[in-house]
Protein backbone atom coordinates (compact mmCIF):
# COMPACT_ATOMS: atom_id res chain seq x y z
CA MET A 1 1.11 43.80 31.21
CA TYR A 2 0.75 41.70 28.03
CA SER A 3 -2.09 42.37 25.69
CA LYS A 4 -4.67 39.64 25.12
CA ASN A 5 -3.80 39.47 21.37
CA LEU A 6 -0.08 39.02 22.11
CA LEU A 7 -0.80 36.16 24.53
CA ILE A 8 -3.09 34.48 21.98
CA SER A 9 -0.41 34.85 19.28
CA LEU A 10 2.26 33.36 21.56
CA PHE A 11 -0.04 30.49 22.49
CA ILE A 12 -0.80 29.69 18.82
CA SER A 13 2.91 29.89 17.94
CA VAL A 14 3.80 27.43 20.70
CA LEU A 15 1.05 25.07 19.57
CA LEU A 16 2.23 25.17 15.96
CA LEU A 17 5.86 24.57 16.92
CA SER A 18 5.05 21.72 19.30
CA SER A 19 2.70 20.02 16.84
CA GLY A 20 5.52 19.52 14.33
CA ILE A 21 3.82 21.07 11.33
CA SER A 22 3.87 18.57 8.49
CA ARG A 23 5.33 19.50 5.14
CA ALA A 24 3.87 18.47 1.83
CA VAL A 25 6.34 16.93 -0.60
CA GLU A 26 5.59 16.31 -4.27
CA VAL A 27 6.51 12.71 -5.08
CA THR A 28 6.47 11.47 -8.67
CA PHE A 29 5.81 7.78 -9.24
CA ARG A 30 6.85 6.27 -12.60
CA VAL A 31 6.36 2.81 -14.06
CA ASP A 32 7.69 1.40 -17.34
CA MET A 33 4.93 -0.54 -19.11
CA SER A 34 7.07 -1.58 -22.13
CA GLU A 35 6.56 -5.27 -21.41
CA GLN A 36 2.81 -4.95 -20.76
CA THR A 37 -0.33 -4.42 -22.82
CA VAL A 38 -2.10 -1.44 -21.29
CA PRO A 39 -5.91 -1.76 -21.31
CA PRO A 40 -8.27 1.10 -22.27
CA GLU A 41 -8.79 1.79 -18.52
CA GLY A 42 -5.14 2.90 -18.31
CA VAL A 43 -2.54 2.51 -15.59
CA HIS A 44 -3.27 3.45 -11.97
CA ILE A 45 -1.54 3.51 -8.60
CA ALA A 46 -3.27 2.43 -5.40
CA GLY A 47 -1.92 2.80 -1.90
CA SER A 48 -2.30 3.66 1.73
CA PHE A 49 -2.10 7.37 0.82
CA GLN A 50 -5.41 7.24 -1.13
CA GLY A 51 -7.45 4.52 0.57
CA TRP A 52 -6.29 1.61 -1.61
CA ASP A 53 -8.73 2.43 -4.41
CA PRO A 54 -7.37 0.72 -7.56
CA GLY A 55 -9.19 3.05 -9.97
CA ALA A 56 -8.91 6.41 -8.19
CA THR A 57 -5.42 7.59 -9.16
CA GLU A 58 -4.75 7.36 -12.88
CA MET A 59 -1.23 7.68 -14.21
CA THR A 60 -0.42 9.59 -17.41
CA LEU A 61 1.62 8.35 -20.35
CA THR A 62 4.65 10.67 -20.34
CA GLN A 63 7.03 9.07 -22.85
CA ASP A 64 7.81 5.73 -24.51
CA ASN A 65 5.59 3.53 -22.32
CA ILE A 66 6.47 5.38 -19.09
CA TYR A 67 3.43 6.28 -16.98
CA ALA A 68 3.71 8.82 -14.15
CA VAL A 69 1.73 10.68 -11.53
CA THR A 70 2.82 13.31 -9.00
CA ILE A 71 1.17 13.23 -5.59
CA ASP A 72 1.49 15.53 -2.56
CA LEU A 73 2.50 13.44 0.44
CA THR A 74 3.67 14.30 3.96
CA ALA A 75 7.39 14.34 4.71
CA GLY A 76 8.31 11.42 6.98
CA GLU A 77 5.10 9.51 6.22
CA TYR A 78 5.41 5.76 5.55
CA ILE A 79 3.27 4.55 2.65
CA GLU A 80 2.66 1.32 0.79
CA TYR A 81 1.47 1.15 -2.83
CA LYS A 82 1.04 -0.94 -5.99
CA PHE A 83 0.77 -0.23 -9.69
CA VAL A 84 -2.44 -1.41 -11.37
CA ASN A 85 -2.56 -2.23 -15.09
CA GLY A 86 -6.24 -1.33 -15.36
CA ASP A 87 -8.53 0.00 -12.66
CA GLU A 88 -9.52 -2.88 -10.40
CA TRP A 89 -8.04 -5.47 -8.08
CA GLY A 90 -6.80 -8.55 -9.90
CA GLU A 91 -5.03 -6.24 -12.36
CA ASP A 92 -2.49 -5.12 -9.75
CA GLU A 93 1.14 -6.11 -9.90
CA SER A 94 2.79 -8.91 -7.95
CA VAL A 95 5.58 -7.08 -6.19
CA PRO A 96 8.85 -9.06 -6.06
CA ALA A 97 9.76 -10.09 -2.51
CA GLY A 98 12.99 -8.05 -2.61
CA CYS A 99 10.96 -4.86 -3.16
CA ALA A 100 7.99 -5.68 -0.95
CA GLN A 101 6.59 -5.02 2.48
CA ASN A 102 3.25 -6.80 3.07
CA ASN A 103 3.31 -7.72 -0.67
CA ASN A 104 3.36 -4.00 -1.56
CA ARG A 105 5.97 -1.48 -2.62
CA TYR A 106 6.81 0.94 0.18
CA LEU A 107 8.36 4.33 0.81
CA THR A 108 9.10 6.67 3.66
CA VAL A 109 8.49 10.10 2.14
CA PRO A 110 11.71 12.14 2.15
CA ASP A 111 11.89 15.75 3.37
CA GLN A 112 12.16 16.79 -0.26
CA ALA A 113 11.69 14.90 -3.51
């Protein structure tokens, strides 16, 4: 006879395995602002991963006009995003057609960055 705790543990294990536990992956976004004048509001990234808020995710100046931010995303997740030179719509980039999906940059998050 199986104990109640063993059956509960087996049930939870099966649920976790069948649900395809998602894995967080750190993804670093970088943008070179050498050809731009950066306003006092700074540089931001907006995208489907954060509700498309143009002022919510500020990027940090890391070196010689390169701004970066590292974000935890889910492996296999498809996202779209844009860089914003400021913190509101109208200051977002025009993504070149060759790099765009729905006028946005896009990425399927890899299993590891």
